[in-house]
Amino acid sequence: MSTTANTTSRPRPKVMTLTDVAAERVRAILEKQHPGGSLRVGVKNGGCAGMAYTMDYTDEQTPLDEIVEDKGVKVLIDPKAVLFLLGTEMDYAEEKFTSGFVFNNPNQTGACGCGESVILTPVQDLDPTMLNKV
């Protein structure tokens, strides 16, 4: 006797979302600096707090990249960064003397005084309520 599993798939949550301002800034930068390319976001070890966000232009998508399409912009997420970035909102802020991308990350537990590096804790047990925020 054969049993058939009744499976229904649901959409996967986005690892990261972009604000309207961030999406427009990414679009403008790519059009000017790297036409036809994509933006890859990740994290790396380094800095006084232990980790730093990375952003690079790329022409290639790897098979394990997580693809985030939000507000008409496609961003590739380095597969090693997924558990550190899950639930993150990427924003762009302009202040009197600085401007740049800002990561509002629920996995960030601290940062160094200069703001160049952060303390990130990877998602251990996925809280189902987090899926509604992504």
Protein backbone atom coordinates (compact mmCIF):
# COMPACT_ATOMS: atom_id res chain seq x y z
CA MET A 1 0.00 0.00 0.00
CA SER A 2 1.32 3.39 -1.00
CA THR A 3 0.87 6.50 1.06
CA THR A 4 0.96 9.90 -0.49
CA ALA A 5 2.10 12.78 1.61
CA ASN A 6 -0.06 15.83 1.29
CA THR A 7 2.40 18.68 1.31
CA THR A 8 1.64 22.29 0.85
CA SER A 9 4.42 24.73 0.46
CA ARG A 10 4.32 28.19 1.80
CA PRO A 11 6.42 31.10 0.68
CA ARG A 12 9.84 31.26 2.28
CA PRO A 13 10.41 34.32 4.42
CA LYS A 14 12.80 36.93 3.04
CA VAL A 15 16.12 36.98 4.81
CA MET A 16 16.19 40.75 4.53
CA THR A 17 13.88 43.56 3.48
CA LEU A 18 14.71 47.02 2.16
CA THR A 19 13.09 50.31 2.98
CA ASP A 20 11.89 52.44 0.07
CA VAL A 21 14.87 54.76 0.54
CA ALA A 22 17.39 51.88 0.59
CA ALA A 23 15.86 50.27 -2.50
CA GLU A 24 16.03 53.54 -4.43
CA ARG A 25 19.65 54.12 -3.34
CA VAL A 26 20.71 50.57 -4.33
CA ARG A 27 18.99 51.01 -7.71
CA ALA A 28 20.72 54.36 -8.31
CA ILE A 29 24.15 53.07 -7.29
CA LEU A 30 23.91 49.97 -9.46
CA GLU A 31 22.72 51.96 -12.48
CA LYS A 32 25.65 54.38 -12.14
CA GLN A 33 28.46 52.21 -10.76
CA HIS A 34 27.71 48.68 -11.94
CA PRO A 35 25.06 48.51 -14.70
CA GLY A 36 23.61 45.04 -15.12
CA GLY A 37 25.20 43.83 -11.89
CA SER A 38 23.86 42.99 -8.48
CA LEU A 39 24.63 43.84 -4.90
CA ARG A 40 25.86 41.08 -2.58
CA VAL A 41 25.39 41.56 1.17
CA GLY A 42 27.20 39.46 3.74
CA VAL A 43 29.11 39.53 6.99
CA LYS A 44 32.78 38.96 7.76
CA ASN A 45 34.89 38.47 10.85
CA GLY A 46 36.77 41.57 11.86
CA GLY A 47 36.74 44.83 13.73
CA CYS A 48 36.85 45.41 17.44
CA ALA A 49 33.33 44.00 17.99
CA GLY A 50 33.98 40.85 15.97
CA MET A 51 31.95 41.12 12.75
CA ALA A 52 31.17 43.62 10.02
CA TYR A 53 28.57 43.89 7.29
CA THR A 54 29.88 43.63 3.73
CA MET A 55 28.48 44.97 0.48
CA ASP A 56 30.04 44.23 -2.89
CA TYR A 57 29.13 44.48 -6.55
CA THR A 58 28.85 41.18 -8.39
CA ASP A 59 28.14 39.94 -11.88
CA GLU A 60 27.57 36.35 -10.84
CA GLN A 61 25.05 34.60 -8.69
CA THR A 62 26.27 31.46 -6.94
CA PRO A 63 23.95 28.45 -6.57
CA LEU A 64 23.72 28.93 -2.79
CA ASP A 65 23.07 32.68 -2.79
CA GLU A 66 19.83 33.71 -1.15
CA ILE A 67 17.97 36.06 -3.49
CA VAL A 68 16.04 38.94 -1.99
CA GLU A 69 13.77 40.80 -4.38
CA ASP A 70 12.15 43.75 -2.67
CA LYS A 71 10.70 46.97 -4.05
CA GLY A 72 12.05 46.26 -7.52
CA VAL A 73 15.63 45.62 -6.38
CA LYS A 74 17.45 42.29 -6.37
CA VAL A 75 20.04 41.74 -3.63
CA LEU A 76 22.09 38.58 -3.23
CA ILE A 77 22.80 37.34 0.30
CA ASP A 78 25.99 35.41 0.91
CA PRO A 79 24.90 31.95 2.12
CA LYS A 80 27.27 32.16 5.12
CA ALA A 81 25.42 35.29 6.29
CA VAL A 82 21.82 34.04 6.20
CA LEU A 83 21.54 33.08 9.88
CA PHE A 84 23.11 36.40 10.90
CA LEU A 85 20.85 38.51 8.68
CA LEU A 86 17.48 36.79 9.08
CA GLY A 87 14.89 39.45 9.89
CA THR A 88 17.12 42.40 8.97
CA GLU A 89 15.79 45.59 7.43
CA MET A 90 18.26 47.49 5.26
CA ASP A 91 17.78 51.25 5.30
CA TYR A 92 19.66 54.26 3.95
CA ALA A 93 20.19 57.30 6.16
CA GLU A 94 21.48 60.78 5.40
CA GLU A 95 22.60 62.91 8.30
CA LYS A 96 24.43 66.20 8.54
CA PHE A 97 27.93 64.81 8.10
CA THR A 98 27.36 61.19 7.04
CA SER A 99 25.25 59.04 4.81
CA GLY A 100 25.14 55.31 4.30
CA PHE A 101 23.29 52.05 4.57
CA VAL A 102 22.01 51.03 7.98
CA PHE A 103 21.15 47.48 8.99
CA ASN A 104 18.33 47.18 11.52
CA ASN A 105 19.15 43.65 12.59
CA PRO A 106 17.37 41.76 15.38
CA ASN A 107 20.41 39.48 15.62
CA GLN A 108 22.76 42.35 16.44
CA THR A 109 23.53 42.33 20.14
CA GLY A 110 26.14 45.07 20.23
CA ALA A 111 28.46 47.33 18.28
CA CYS A 112 31.83 48.97 18.73
CA GLY A 113 32.06 52.65 19.58
CA CYS A 114 33.11 53.72 16.09
CA GLY A 115 30.21 51.86 14.46
CA GLU A 116 32.36 49.92 12.01
CA SER A 117 31.81 46.48 13.51
CA VAL A 118 29.04 44.66 15.33
CA ILE A 119 28.31 41.68 17.52
CA LEU A 120 25.94 39.29 15.73
CA THR A 121 24.35 36.16 17.13
CA PRO A 122 23.11 33.67 14.53
CA VAL A 123 19.52 32.54 14.73
CA GLN A 124 19.44 29.36 16.84
CA ASP A 125 15.79 28.49 17.16
CA LEU A 126 13.60 30.24 14.64
CA ASP A 127 10.81 32.03 16.47
CA PRO A 128 7.63 31.67 14.35
CA THR A 129 6.63 35.26 15.16
CA MET A 130 9.81 36.38 13.40
CA LEU A 131 8.44 35.03 10.12
CA ASN A 132 5.68 37.61 10.18
CA LYS A 133 8.24 40.42 10.38
CA VAL A 134 10.30 39.23 7.44
